[in-house]
């Protein structure tokens, strides 16, 4: 079995509690690793946390206390999280969070960002196997404050924007060696049309007209989007629930969490995703333009921002809005669906 990494003395982080699941359509980062002969299936993982606890504690050189296991609302399959105490090399006990299994992408970026000036949760211990199972696991410090929310009085947006830009700066040290995942937007638009026919959706006629106009612009939109720079890493799940702090609200900086969906692409993807969560509740932004603010923070850190970024933002908004009927099981909140319709109508003219 691979020997786990045990730092001598390291601060760390924790996952956000269940009551901060973003709305609408947030993507879970508790993705299970690919099935293999030595990887347990989802059904077996519920008791597995307790079954593997002695093995886990042994892997941590018996520095880990008994674990209180629980499952958060957004976790899928058999992913488990637990609270415990980890004894550092100096004998001091630290409140921690244990998570298993961990997506390999998340583990890779957690380890990559350990020297990023507190941006990512610090790791007390981690590994890629436990006993007979090939599964990644982490032991992280339990952060005391957060996730970011309205309790920060609006500062929460600034803290997350700053954290996102710090992520782009830190991730730029690692070259992008793979192409971004391609998406068939024509097929997505057709699926949206099909769902309009199959399900009752408010303002169905307006949706039909907007999608018809979008069809005429789709080739131009996709060509613009495909020509974007894709030489950097996106967080993939940028929202307030994925950030906490080590300081009393509204103090920062924010610690950015959940790296399971990091992928090659453009920062515009993160910016528009973050923005779209507030299309139906724009009053929360108090006049902020999240995409513009992220662009400005990137410039402040010396990161590239192409002159055509507003056009890319506009195209990404249109593509995300036209996708909404295709994802009704995820983005089915009526207020959000109506807000997406308004955005699409604005983009198609």
C-alpha atoms as a PDB file:
ATOM      1  CA  UNK A   1       0.000   0.000   0.000  1.00  0.00           C
ATOM      2  CA  UNK A   2       1.264   3.456  -0.863  1.00  0.00           C
ATOM      3  CA  UNK A   3       2.625   5.367   2.103  1.00  0.00           C
ATOM      4  CA  UNK A   4       0.441   8.405   2.833  1.00  0.00           C
ATOM      5  CA  UNK A   5       1.779  11.942   2.890  1.00  0.00           C
ATOM      6  CA  UNK A   6       2.004  13.305   6.435  1.00  0.00           C
ATOM      7  CA  UNK A   7       3.143  16.923   6.676  1.00  0.00           C
ATOM      8  CA  UNK A   8       4.970  17.880   9.860  1.00  0.00           C
ATOM      9  CA  UNK A   9       2.881  20.964  10.562  1.00  0.00           C
ATOM     10  CA  UNK A  10       0.317  22.280   8.118  1.00  0.00           C
ATOM     11  CA  UNK A  11      -2.862  24.364   8.320  1.00  0.00           C
ATOM     12  CA  UNK A  12      -5.771  23.091   6.306  1.00  0.00           C
ATOM     13  CA  UNK A  13      -9.383  23.322   5.241  1.00  0.00           C
ATOM     14  CA  UNK A  14     -12.814  21.728   5.196  1.00  0.00           C
ATOM     15  CA  UNK A  15     -15.752  21.124   2.931  1.00  0.00           C
ATOM     16  CA  UNK A  16     -18.791  23.411   3.146  1.00  0.00           C
ATOM     17  CA  UNK A  17     -21.824  22.201   5.084  1.00  0.00           C
ATOM     18  CA  UNK A  18     -24.882  20.948   3.278  1.00  0.00           C
ATOM     19  CA  UNK A  19     -27.080  23.998   3.821  1.00  0.00           C
ATOM     20  CA  UNK A  20     -24.983  26.082   1.422  1.00  0.00           C
ATOM     21  CA  UNK A  21     -25.623  24.001  -1.678  1.00  0.00           C
ATOM     22  CA  UNK A  22     -25.793  26.615  -4.440  1.00  0.00           C
ATOM     23  CA  UNK A  23     -28.962  27.251  -6.326  1.00  0.00           C
ATOM     24  CA  UNK A  24     -29.726  26.518  -9.006  1.00  0.00           C
ATOM     25  CA  UNK A  25     -28.182  23.457 -10.593  1.00  0.00           C
ATOM     26  CA  UNK A  26     -24.958  23.292  -8.626  1.00  0.00           C
ATOM     27  CA  UNK A  27     -22.647  20.497  -9.669  1.00  0.00           C
ATOM     28  CA  UNK A  28     -21.498  18.041  -7.052  1.00  0.00           C
ATOM     29  CA  UNK A  29     -17.775  17.548  -6.770  1.00  0.00           C
ATOM     30  CA  UNK A  30     -18.158  14.288  -4.837  1.00  0.00           C
ATOM     31  CA  UNK A  31     -17.544  12.347  -8.022  1.00  0.00           C
ATOM     32  CA  UNK A  32     -16.595   8.716  -7.476  1.00  0.00           C
ATOM     33  CA  UNK A  33     -13.404   7.363  -9.039  1.00  0.00           C
ATOM     34  CA  UNK A  34     -13.783   5.087 -12.086  1.00  0.00           C
ATOM     35  CA  UNK A  35     -14.794   1.549 -11.293  1.00  0.00           C
ATOM     36  CA  UNK A  36     -11.952  -0.985 -11.173  1.00  0.00           C
ATOM     37  CA  UNK A  37     -11.471  -4.446  -9.681  1.00  0.00           C
ATOM     38  CA  UNK A  38     -10.122  -2.877  -6.484  1.00  0.00           C
ATOM     39  CA  UNK A  39     -12.478   0.075  -6.329  1.00  0.00           C
ATOM     40  CA  UNK A  40     -15.618  -0.423  -4.167  1.00  0.00           C
ATOM     41  CA  UNK A  41     -18.952   0.322  -5.751  1.00  0.00           C
ATOM     42  CA  UNK A  42     -21.236   3.081  -4.458  1.00  0.00           C
ATOM     43  CA  UNK A  43     -23.580   0.687  -2.659  1.00  0.00           C
ATOM     44  CA  UNK A  44     -20.747  -0.746  -0.576  1.00  0.00           C
ATOM     45  CA  UNK A  45     -19.271   2.579   0.505  1.00  0.00           C
ATOM     46  CA  UNK A  46     -21.811   3.531   3.155  1.00  0.00           C
ATOM     47  CA  UNK A  47     -20.498   1.002   5.690  1.00  0.00           C
ATOM     48  CA  UNK A  48     -17.042   1.186   4.143  1.00  0.00           C
ATOM     49  CA  UNK A  49     -16.124   4.409   5.943  1.00  0.00           C
ATOM     50  CA  UNK A  50     -16.499   2.743   9.303  1.00  0.00           C
ATOM     51  CA  UNK A  51     -14.990  -0.514   8.036  1.00  0.00           C
ATOM     52  CA  UNK A  52     -11.904   1.249   6.713  1.00  0.00           C
ATOM     53  CA  UNK A  53     -11.485   3.569   9.682  1.00  0.00           C
ATOM     54  CA  UNK A  54      -8.899   1.364  11.445  1.00  0.00           C
ATOM     55  CA  UNK A  55      -6.944   1.147   8.182  1.00  0.00           C
ATOM     56  CA  UNK A  56      -7.216   4.896   7.713  1.00  0.00           C
ATOM     57  CA  UNK A  57      -6.019   5.623  11.226  1.00  0.00           C
ATOM     58  CA  UNK A  58      -3.108   3.248  10.759  1.00  0.00           C
ATOM     59  CA  UNK A  59      -2.229   5.009   7.476  1.00  0.00           C
ATOM     60  CA  UNK A  60      -2.142   8.246   9.478  1.00  0.00           C
ATOM     61  CA  UNK A  61       0.370   6.661  11.854  1.00  0.00           C
ATOM     62  CA  UNK A  62      -2.310   6.603  14.564  1.00  0.00           C
ATOM     63  CA  UNK A  63      -2.403  10.387  14.719  1.00  0.00           C
ATOM     64  CA  UNK A  64      -6.084  10.416  13.695  1.00  0.00           C
ATOM     65  CA  UNK A  65      -8.823  10.112  16.312  1.00  0.00           C
ATOM     66  CA  UNK A  66     -12.085   8.229  15.888  1.00  0.00           C
ATOM     67  CA  UNK A  67     -14.066   9.648  12.940  1.00  0.00           C
ATOM     68  CA  UNK A  68     -17.678  10.840  13.107  1.00  0.00           C
ATOM     69  CA  UNK A  69     -18.956  10.026   9.614  1.00  0.00           C
ATOM     70  CA  UNK A  70     -21.773  11.866   7.854  1.00  0.00           C
ATOM     71  CA  UNK A  71     -23.069  12.462   4.355  1.00  0.00           C
ATOM     72  CA  UNK A  72     -23.765  15.917   2.951  1.00  0.00           C
ATOM     73  CA  UNK A  73     -26.783  16.669   0.769  1.00  0.00           C
ATOM     74  CA  UNK A  74     -24.724  17.210  -2.378  1.00  0.00           C
ATOM     75  CA  UNK A  75     -22.574  14.078  -2.147  1.00  0.00           C
ATOM     76  CA  UNK A  76     -23.404  11.365  -4.656  1.00  0.00           C
ATOM     77  CA  UNK A  77     -22.891   7.617  -4.552  1.00  0.00           C
ATOM     78  CA  UNK A  78     -20.938   6.441  -1.560  1.00  0.00           C
ATOM     79  CA  UNK A  79     -18.747   9.464  -0.848  1.00  0.00           C
ATOM     80  CA  UNK A  80     -18.362  10.043   2.878  1.00  0.00           C
ATOM     81  CA  UNK A  81     -17.127  12.902   5.025  1.00  0.00           C
ATOM     82  CA  UNK A  82     -16.211  12.844   8.679  1.00  0.00           C
ATOM     83  CA  UNK A  83     -14.956  14.977  11.536  1.00  0.00           C
ATOM     84  CA  UNK A  84     -11.933  13.945  13.565  1.00  0.00           C
ATOM     85  CA  UNK A  85      -8.858  15.277  15.352  1.00  0.00           C
ATOM     86  CA  UNK A  86      -5.356  14.980  13.952  1.00  0.00           C
ATOM     87  CA  UNK A  87      -2.298  15.113  16.192  1.00  0.00           C
ATOM     88  CA  UNK A  88       0.524  17.112  14.588  1.00  0.00           C
ATOM     89  CA  UNK A  89       4.199  16.271  15.049  1.00  0.00           C
ATOM     90  CA  UNK A  90       4.417  18.747  17.936  1.00  0.00           C
ATOM     91  CA  UNK A  91       1.646  16.895  19.763  1.00  0.00           C
ATOM     92  CA  UNK A  92      -1.012  19.548  19.219  1.00  0.00           C
ATOM     93  CA  UNK A  93      -4.459  18.326  18.196  1.00  0.00           C
ATOM     94  CA  UNK A  94      -6.240  19.922  15.247  1.00  0.00           C
ATOM     95  CA  UNK A  95      -9.889  19.649  14.226  1.00  0.00           C
ATOM     96  CA  UNK A  96     -10.023  17.986  10.827  1.00  0.00           C
ATOM     97  CA  UNK A  97     -12.287  16.793   8.080  1.00  0.00           C
ATOM     98  CA  UNK A  98     -11.814  13.364   6.526  1.00  0.00           C
ATOM     99  CA  UNK A  99     -13.113  12.715   3.032  1.00  0.00           C
ATOM    100  CA  UNK A 100     -13.195   9.480   1.026  1.00  0.00           C
ATOM    101  CA  UNK A 101     -13.197   8.646  -1.735  1.00  0.00           C
ATOM    102  CA  UNK A 102     -11.736  11.785  -3.286  1.00  0.00           C
ATOM    103  CA  UNK A 103     -11.831  12.426  -7.001  1.00  0.00           C
ATOM    104  CA  UNK A 104      -8.282  12.018  -8.374  1.00  0.00           C
ATOM    105  CA  UNK A 105      -8.519  15.451  -9.998  1.00  0.00           C
ATOM    106  CA  UNK A 106      -9.377  17.031  -6.660  1.00  0.00           C
ATOM    107  CA  UNK A 107      -6.495  15.291  -4.901  1.00  0.00           C
ATOM    108  CA  UNK A 108      -4.091  16.361  -7.632  1.00  0.00           C
ATOM    109  CA  UNK A 109      -5.020  20.019  -7.271  1.00  0.00           C
ATOM    110  CA  UNK A 110      -5.156  19.962  -3.495  1.00  0.00           C
ATOM    111  CA  UNK A 111      -1.567  18.761  -3.460  1.00  0.00           C
ATOM    112  CA  UNK A 112      -0.494  21.138  -6.232  1.00  0.00           C
ATOM    113  CA  UNK A 113      -1.833  24.165  -4.387  1.00  0.00           C
ATOM    114  CA  UNK A 114      -0.425  23.467  -0.953  1.00  0.00           C
ATOM    115  CA  UNK A 115       2.152  26.225  -1.402  1.00  0.00           C
ATOM    116  CA  UNK A 116      -0.326  28.754  -2.840  1.00  0.00           C
ATOM    117  CA  UNK A 117      -0.312  31.069   0.183  1.00  0.00           C
ATOM    118  CA  UNK A 118      -3.285  29.481   1.923  1.00  0.00           C
ATOM    119  CA  UNK A 119      -5.543  29.462  -1.152  1.00  0.00           C
ATOM    120  CA  UNK A 120      -6.434  25.766  -0.868  1.00  0.00           C
ATOM    121  CA  UNK A 121      -7.247  23.701   2.210  1.00  0.00           C
ATOM    122  CA  UNK A 122      -4.053  22.418   3.747  1.00  0.00           C
ATOM    123  CA  UNK A 123      -3.611  18.664   4.041  1.00  0.00           C
ATOM    124  CA  UNK A 124      -2.632  16.826   7.200  1.00  0.00           C
ATOM    125  CA  UNK A 125      -2.528  13.493   5.388  1.00  0.00           C
ATOM    126  CA  UNK A 126      -3.594  11.972   2.089  1.00  0.00           C
ATOM    127  CA  UNK A 127      -3.196   8.849   0.004  1.00  0.00           C
ATOM    128  CA  UNK A 128      -4.464   6.965  -3.033  1.00  0.00           C
ATOM    129  CA  UNK A 129      -5.319   3.606  -1.459  1.00  0.00           C
ATOM    130  CA  UNK A 130      -6.674   2.108   1.734  1.00  0.00           C
ATOM    131  CA  UNK A 131      -6.294  -1.567   2.452  1.00  0.00           C
ATOM    132  CA  UNK A 132      -7.358  -3.540  -0.601  1.00  0.00           C
ATOM    133  CA  UNK A 133      -9.117  -0.575  -2.212  1.00  0.00           C
ATOM    134  CA  UNK A 134      -7.751   1.854  -4.765  1.00  0.00           C
ATOM    135  CA  UNK A 135      -9.375   5.047  -3.576  1.00  0.00           C
ATOM    136  CA  UNK A 136      -8.004   8.463  -2.767  1.00  0.00           C
ATOM    137  CA  UNK A 137      -8.572  10.062   0.642  1.00  0.00           C
ATOM    138  CA  UNK A 138      -7.641  13.254   2.453  1.00  0.00           C
ATOM    139  CA  UNK A 139      -7.462  14.566   6.009  1.00  0.00           C
ATOM    140  CA  UNK A 140      -7.875  18.351   6.064  1.00  0.00           C
ATOM    141  CA  UNK A 141      -8.122  20.966   8.782  1.00  0.00           C
ATOM    142  CA  UNK A 142     -11.648  21.987   9.674  1.00  0.00           C
ATOM    143  CA  UNK A 143     -12.029  25.673   8.823  1.00  0.00           C
ATOM    144  CA  UNK A 144     -13.981  27.669  11.407  1.00  0.00           C
ATOM    145  CA  UNK A 145     -15.915  30.186   9.277  1.00  0.00           C
ATOM    146  CA  UNK A 146     -18.138  29.829   6.260  1.00  0.00           C
ATOM    147  CA  UNK A 147     -19.079  28.961   3.656  1.00  0.00           C
ATOM    148  CA  UNK A 148     -19.306  32.478   2.255  1.00  0.00           C
ATOM    149  CA  UNK A 149     -22.844  33.810   2.412  1.00  0.00           C
ATOM    150  CA  UNK A 150     -24.960  36.918   2.889  1.00  0.00           C
ATOM    151  CA  UNK A 151     -23.596  37.032   6.432  1.00  0.00           C
ATOM    152  CA  UNK A 152     -20.517  38.707   5.000  1.00  0.00           C
ATOM    153  CA  UNK A 153     -22.616  41.732   3.965  1.00  0.00           C
ATOM    154  CA  UNK A 154     -21.671  41.653   0.289  1.00  0.00           C
ATOM    155  CA  UNK A 155     -17.957  41.149   0.912  1.00  0.00           C
ATOM    156  CA  UNK A 156     -18.481  37.472   0.115  1.00  0.00           C
ATOM    157  CA  UNK A 157     -18.498  38.278  -3.605  1.00  0.00           C
ATOM    158  CA  UNK A 158     -15.248  40.213  -3.391  1.00  0.00           C
ATOM    159  CA  UNK A 159     -13.585  37.434  -1.408  1.00  0.00           C
ATOM    160  CA  UNK A 160     -14.574  34.752  -3.907  1.00  0.00           C
ATOM    161  CA  UNK A 161     -13.506  36.880  -6.876  1.00  0.00           C
ATOM    162  CA  UNK A 162     -10.115  37.425  -5.266  1.00  0.00           C
ATOM    163  CA  UNK A 163      -9.782  33.722  -4.504  1.00  0.00           C
ATOM    164  CA  UNK A 164     -10.672  32.806  -8.080  1.00  0.00           C
ATOM    165  CA  UNK A 165      -8.001  35.116  -9.478  1.00  0.00           C
ATOM    166  CA  UNK A 166      -5.458  33.709  -7.028  1.00  0.00           C
ATOM    167  CA  UNK A 167      -6.370  30.241  -8.256  1.00  0.00           C
ATOM    168  CA  UNK A 168      -5.786  31.241 -11.887  1.00  0.00           C
ATOM    169  CA  UNK A 169      -2.426  32.737 -10.946  1.00  0.00           C
ATOM    170  CA  UNK A 170      -1.322  29.682  -8.961  1.00  0.00           C
ATOM    171  CA  UNK A 171      -2.646  27.178 -11.516  1.00  0.00           C
ATOM    172  CA  UNK A 172      -0.755  28.960 -14.306  1.00  0.00           C
ATOM    173  CA  UNK A 173       2.410  27.295 -13.008  1.00  0.00           C
ATOM    174  CA  UNK A 174       1.111  24.009 -14.401  1.00  0.00           C
ATOM    175  CA  UNK A 175       0.984  23.844 -18.214  1.00  0.00           C
ATOM    176  CA  UNK A 176      -2.206  22.768 -19.936  1.00  0.00           C
ATOM    177  CA  UNK A 177      -1.340  19.632 -21.862  1.00  0.00           C
ATOM    178  CA  UNK A 178      -4.814  18.441 -22.812  1.00  0.00           C
ATOM    179  CA  UNK A 179      -7.601  19.925 -24.927  1.00  0.00           C
ATOM    180  CA  UNK A 180     -10.821  21.144 -23.312  1.00  0.00           C
ATOM    181  CA  UNK A 181     -13.840  18.881 -23.430  1.00  0.00           C
ATOM    182  CA  UNK A 182     -15.933  19.540 -26.528  1.00  0.00           C
ATOM    183  CA  UNK A 183     -19.666  20.106 -26.279  1.00  0.00           C
ATOM    184  CA  UNK A 184     -22.217  19.615 -29.029  1.00  0.00           C
ATOM    185  CA  UNK A 185     -24.248  22.820 -28.706  1.00  0.00           C
ATOM    186  CA  UNK A 186     -26.467  21.883 -31.644  1.00  0.00           C
ATOM    187  CA  UNK A 187     -27.490  18.727 -29.840  1.00  0.00           C
ATOM    188  CA  UNK A 188     -27.973  20.672 -26.609  1.00  0.00           C
ATOM    189  CA  UNK A 189     -30.309  23.110 -28.326  1.00  0.00           C
ATOM    190  CA  UNK A 190     -32.295  20.232 -29.822  1.00  0.00           C
ATOM    191  CA  UNK A 191     -32.599  18.622 -26.400  1.00  0.00           C
ATOM    192  CA  UNK A 192     -33.933  21.914 -25.051  1.00  0.00           C
ATOM    193  CA  UNK A 193     -36.594  21.904 -27.750  1.00  0.00           C
ATOM    194  CA  UNK A 194     -37.526  18.317 -26.954  1.00  0.00           C
ATOM    195  CA  UNK A 195     -37.907  19.080 -23.266  1.00  0.00           C
ATOM    196  CA  UNK A 196     -40.176  22.007 -24.051  1.00  0.00           C
ATOM    197  CA  UNK A 197     -42.462  19.566 -25.865  1.00  0.00           C
ATOM    198  CA  UNK A 198     -42.304  16.915 -23.149  1.00  0.00           C
ATOM    199  CA  UNK A 199     -42.634  19.070 -20.028  1.00  0.00           C
ATOM    200  CA  UNK A 200     -44.778  21.952 -18.945  1.00  0.00           C
ATOM    201  CA  UNK A 201     -42.527  25.006 -18.898  1.00  0.00           C
ATOM    202  CA  UNK A 202     -43.779  28.499 -18.179  1.00  0.00           C
ATOM    203  CA  UNK A 203     -43.663  30.884 -21.159  1.00  0.00           C
ATOM    204  CA  UNK A 204     -43.305  27.974 -23.563  1.00  0.00           C
ATOM    205  CA  UNK A 205     -44.096  30.119 -26.598  1.00  0.00           C
ATOM    206  CA  UNK A 206     -41.437  32.661 -25.674  1.00  0.00           C
ATOM    207  CA  UNK A 207     -38.931  29.860 -25.185  1.00  0.00           C
ATOM    208  CA  UNK A 208     -39.762  28.432 -28.605  1.00  0.00           C
ATOM    209  CA  UNK A 209     -39.267  31.804 -30.263  1.00  0.00           C
ATOM    210  CA  UNK A 210     -36.009  32.467 -28.405  1.00  0.00           C
ATOM    211  CA  UNK A 211     -34.605  29.045 -29.305  1.00  0.00           C
ATOM    212  CA  UNK A 212     -35.616  29.552 -32.925  1.00  0.00           C
ATOM    213  CA  UNK A 213     -33.662  32.804 -33.018  1.00  0.00           C
ATOM    214  CA  UNK A 214     -30.782  31.151 -31.179  1.00  0.00           C
ATOM    215  CA  UNK A 215     -30.630  28.510 -33.899  1.00  0.00           C
ATOM    216  CA  UNK A 216     -29.839  31.237 -36.439  1.00  0.00           C
ATOM    217  CA  UNK A 217     -26.994  32.568 -34.305  1.00  0.00           C
ATOM    218  CA  UNK A 218     -25.660  29.258 -33.031  1.00  0.00           C
ATOM    219  CA  UNK A 219     -22.984  28.760 -35.694  1.00  0.00           C
ATOM    220  CA  UNK A 220     -21.583  32.231 -35.051  1.00  0.00           C
ATOM    221  CA  UNK A 221     -21.692  31.707 -31.294  1.00  0.00           C
ATOM    222  CA  UNK A 222     -19.947  28.332 -31.426  1.00  0.00           C
ATOM    223  CA  UNK A 223     -17.233  29.638 -33.757  1.00  0.00           C
ATOM    224  CA  UNK A 224     -16.583  32.527 -31.383  1.00  0.00           C
ATOM    225  CA  UNK A 225     -16.540  30.249 -28.363  1.00  0.00           C
ATOM    226  CA  UNK A 226     -14.289  27.652 -29.975  1.00  0.00           C
ATOM    227  CA  UNK A 227     -11.778  30.371 -30.882  1.00  0.00           C
ATOM    228  CA  UNK A 228     -11.331  31.432 -27.247  1.00  0.00           C
ATOM    229  CA  UNK A 229      -7.961  30.929 -25.534  1.00  0.00           C
ATOM    230  CA  UNK A 230      -7.937  27.554 -23.750  1.00  0.00           C
ATOM    231  CA  UNK A 231      -4.448  27.593 -22.273  1.00  0.00           C
ATOM    232  CA  UNK A 232      -5.415  27.923 -18.611  1.00  0.00           C
ATOM    233  CA  UNK A 233      -7.202  25.989 -15.875  1.00  0.00           C
ATOM    234  CA  UNK A 234     -10.803  26.640 -14.795  1.00  0.00           C
ATOM    235  CA  UNK A 235     -12.054  25.834 -11.310  1.00  0.00           C
ATOM    236  CA  UNK A 236     -15.252  24.400 -12.778  1.00  0.00           C
ATOM    237  CA  UNK A 237     -17.535  24.921  -9.766  1.00  0.00           C
ATOM    238  CA  UNK A 238     -17.120  28.528  -8.673  1.00  0.00           C
ATOM    239  CA  UNK A 239     -19.790  29.533  -6.161  1.00  0.00           C
ATOM    240  CA  UNK A 240     -20.037  30.936  -2.645  1.00  0.00           C
ATOM    241  CA  UNK A 241     -20.560  27.527  -1.061  1.00  0.00           C
ATOM    242  CA  UNK A 242     -17.117  26.466  -2.217  1.00  0.00           C
ATOM    243  CA  UNK A 243     -15.218  29.005  -0.128  1.00  0.00           C
ATOM    244  CA  UNK A 244     -14.611  29.498   3.589  1.00  0.00           C
ATOM    245  CA  UNK A 245     -12.240  31.576   5.692  1.00  0.00           C
ATOM    246  CA  UNK A 246      -9.961  31.229   8.652  1.00  0.00           C
ATOM    247  CA  UNK A 247     -11.093  34.589  10.030  1.00  0.00           C
ATOM    248  CA  UNK A 248     -14.250  36.005  11.590  1.00  0.00           C
ATOM    249  CA  UNK A 249     -16.722  37.366   8.988  1.00  0.00           C
ATOM    250  CA  UNK A 250     -16.389  39.519   7.009  1.00  0.00           C
ATOM    251  CA  UNK A 251     -12.623  39.087   7.096  1.00  0.00           C
ATOM    252  CA  UNK A 252     -10.696  37.245   4.407  1.00  0.00           C
ATOM    253  CA  UNK A 253      -8.947  36.003   2.445  1.00  0.00           C
ATOM    254  CA  UNK A 254     -11.132  33.159   1.284  1.00  0.00           C
ATOM    255  CA  UNK A 255      -9.996  29.558   1.078  1.00  0.00           C
ATOM    256  CA  UNK A 256     -11.187  28.007  -2.187  1.00  0.00           C
ATOM    257  CA  UNK A 257     -12.588  24.471  -1.962  1.00  0.00           C
ATOM    258  CA  UNK A 258     -13.619  21.572  -4.169  1.00  0.00           C
ATOM    259  CA  UNK A 259     -11.241  21.063  -7.080  1.00  0.00           C
ATOM    260  CA  UNK A 260     -12.842  17.953  -8.572  1.00  0.00           C
ATOM    261  CA  UNK A 261     -14.014  19.777 -11.721  1.00  0.00           C
ATOM    262  CA  UNK A 262     -10.820  21.678 -12.569  1.00  0.00           C
ATOM    263  CA  UNK A 263     -10.313  21.490 -16.334  1.00  0.00           C
ATOM    264  CA  UNK A 264      -8.638  23.292 -19.254  1.00  0.00           C
ATOM    265  CA  UNK A 265     -10.568  26.236 -20.642  1.00  0.00           C
ATOM    266  CA  UNK A 266     -11.166  29.927 -20.151  1.00  0.00           C
ATOM    267  CA  UNK A 267     -11.802  31.922 -16.975  1.00  0.00           C
ATOM    268  CA  UNK A 268     -14.970  33.185 -18.696  1.00  0.00           C
ATOM    269  CA  UNK A 269     -16.573  29.791 -18.041  1.00  0.00           C
ATOM    270  CA  UNK A 270     -16.145  30.195 -14.284  1.00  0.00           C
ATOM    271  CA  UNK A 271     -17.249  33.825 -14.368  1.00  0.00           C
ATOM    272  CA  UNK A 272     -20.484  33.208 -16.268  1.00  0.00           C
ATOM    273  CA  UNK A 273     -21.288  30.115 -14.212  1.00  0.00           C
ATOM    274  CA  UNK A 274     -20.885  32.123 -11.005  1.00  0.00           C
ATOM    275  CA  UNK A 275     -22.982  34.954 -12.444  1.00  0.00           C
ATOM    276  CA  UNK A 276     -25.758  32.704 -13.714  1.00  0.00           C
ATOM    277  CA  UNK A 277     -26.490  31.499 -10.181  1.00  0.00           C
ATOM    278  CA  UNK A 278     -27.804  35.022  -9.529  1.00  0.00           C
ATOM    279  CA  UNK A 279     -29.716  35.649 -12.755  1.00  0.00           C
ATOM    280  CA  UNK A 280     -32.957  35.204 -10.827  1.00  0.00           C
ATOM    281  CA  UNK A 281     -31.819  37.138  -7.764  1.00  0.00           C
ATOM    282  CA  UNK A 282     -29.756  39.964  -9.119  1.00  0.00           C
ATOM    283  CA  UNK A 283     -30.573  42.167  -6.138  1.00  0.00           C
ATOM    284  CA  UNK A 284     -28.083  40.111  -4.133  1.00  0.00           C
ATOM    285  CA  UNK A 285     -25.278  41.524  -6.255  1.00  0.00           C
ATOM    286  CA  UNK A 286     -26.001  45.163  -5.280  1.00  0.00           C
ATOM    287  CA  UNK A 287     -24.973  46.379  -8.698  1.00  0.00           C
ATOM    288  CA  UNK A 288     -21.900  44.173  -9.073  1.00  0.00           C
ATOM    289  CA  UNK A 289     -20.912  42.837 -12.476  1.00  0.00           C
ATOM    290  CA  UNK A 290     -19.238  39.573 -11.531  1.00  0.00           C
ATOM    291  CA  UNK A 291     -17.658  38.904 -14.929  1.00  0.00           C
ATOM    292  CA  UNK A 292     -16.204  42.402 -15.137  1.00  0.00           C
ATOM    293  CA  UNK A 293     -14.968  42.199 -11.554  1.00  0.00           C
ATOM    294  CA  UNK A 294     -13.162  38.917 -12.214  1.00  0.00           C
ATOM    295  CA  UNK A 295     -11.590  40.406 -15.348  1.00  0.00           C
ATOM    296  CA  UNK A 296     -10.360  43.396 -13.351  1.00  0.00           C
ATOM    297  CA  UNK A 297      -8.947  41.211 -10.587  1.00  0.00           C
ATOM    298  CA  UNK A 298      -7.099  39.146 -13.185  1.00  0.00           C
ATOM    299  CA  UNK A 299      -5.581  42.325 -14.602  1.00  0.00           C
ATOM    300  CA  UNK A 300      -4.564  43.432 -11.113  1.00  0.00           C
ATOM    301  CA  UNK A 301      -2.610  40.188 -10.690  1.00  0.00           C
ATOM    302  CA  UNK A 302      -1.006  40.550 -14.113  1.00  0.00           C
ATOM    303  CA  UNK A 303      -3.000  37.747 -15.724  1.00  0.00           C
ATOM    304  CA  UNK A 304      -3.988  37.967 -19.408  1.00  0.00           C
ATOM    305  CA  UNK A 305      -7.411  39.324 -20.308  1.00  0.00           C
ATOM    306  CA  UNK A 306      -8.104  39.424 -24.036  1.00  0.00           C
ATOM    307  CA  UNK A 307      -9.780  42.568 -25.419  1.00  0.00           C
ATOM    308  CA  UNK A 308     -12.750  40.552 -26.680  1.00  0.00           C
ATOM    309  CA  UNK A 309     -13.649  39.113 -23.253  1.00  0.00           C
ATOM    310  CA  UNK A 310     -17.049  40.933 -23.158  1.00  0.00           C
ATOM    311  CA  UNK A 311     -17.977  39.199 -26.404  1.00  0.00           C
ATOM    312  CA  UNK A 312     -16.956  35.826 -24.984  1.00  0.00           C
ATOM    313  CA  UNK A 313     -19.031  36.523 -21.864  1.00  0.00           C
ATOM    314  CA  UNK A 314     -22.045  37.375 -24.029  1.00  0.00           C
ATOM    315  CA  UNK A 315     -21.683  34.188 -26.066  1.00  0.00           C
ATOM    316  CA  UNK A 316     -21.233  32.035 -22.980  1.00  0.00           C
ATOM    317  CA  UNK A 317     -24.340  33.561 -21.419  1.00  0.00           C
ATOM    318  CA  UNK A 318     -26.322  32.723 -24.541  1.00  0.00           C
ATOM    319  CA  UNK A 319     -25.061  29.139 -24.672  1.00  0.00           C
ATOM    320  CA  UNK A 320     -25.735  28.600 -20.982  1.00  0.00           C
ATOM    321  CA  UNK A 321     -29.211  30.124 -21.232  1.00  0.00           C
ATOM    322  CA  UNK A 322     -30.260  28.038 -24.242  1.00  0.00           C
ATOM    323  CA  UNK A 323     -29.099  24.922 -22.361  1.00  0.00           C
ATOM    324  CA  UNK A 324     -31.524  25.486 -19.498  1.00  0.00           C
ATOM    325  CA  UNK A 325     -34.525  23.524 -20.863  1.00  0.00           C
ATOM    326  CA  UNK A 326     -32.130  20.670 -21.638  1.00  0.00           C
ATOM    327  CA  UNK A 327     -31.188  20.468 -17.948  1.00  0.00           C
ATOM    328  CA  UNK A 328     -34.543  20.865 -16.218  1.00  0.00           C
ATOM    329  CA  UNK A 329     -33.674  18.201 -13.636  1.00  0.00           C
ATOM    330  CA  UNK A 330     -30.739  20.369 -12.511  1.00  0.00           C
ATOM    331  CA  UNK A 331     -31.848  23.918 -13.296  1.00  0.00           C
ATOM    332  CA  UNK A 332     -35.568  23.417 -12.809  1.00  0.00           C
ATOM    333  CA  UNK A 333     -36.311  26.236 -10.375  1.00  0.00           C
ATOM    334  CA  UNK A 334     -39.107  28.239 -12.091  1.00  0.00           C
ATOM    335  CA  UNK A 335     -37.615  31.609 -11.202  1.00  0.00           C
ATOM    336  CA  UNK A 336     -34.236  30.592 -12.553  1.00  0.00           C
ATOM    337  CA  UNK A 337     -35.723  29.148 -15.744  1.00  0.00           C
ATOM    338  CA  UNK A 338     -37.584  32.394 -16.373  1.00  0.00           C
ATOM    339  CA  UNK A 339     -34.428  34.411 -15.708  1.00  0.00           C
ATOM    340  CA  UNK A 340     -32.527  32.276 -18.223  1.00  0.00           C
ATOM    341  CA  UNK A 341     -35.254  32.964 -20.766  1.00  0.00           C
ATOM    342  CA  UNK A 342     -34.806  36.695 -20.281  1.00  0.00           C
ATOM    343  CA  UNK A 343     -31.052  36.377 -20.743  1.00  0.00           C
ATOM    344  CA  UNK A 344     -31.499  34.363 -23.946  1.00  0.00           C
ATOM    345  CA  UNK A 345     -34.036  36.838 -25.306  1.00  0.00           C
ATOM    346  CA  UNK A 346     -31.583  39.646 -24.643  1.00  0.00           C
ATOM    347  CA  UNK A 347     -28.749  37.812 -26.396  1.00  0.00           C
ATOM    348  CA  UNK A 348     -30.758  36.889 -29.487  1.00  0.00           C
ATOM    349  CA  UNK A 349     -32.050  40.432 -29.789  1.00  0.00           C
END
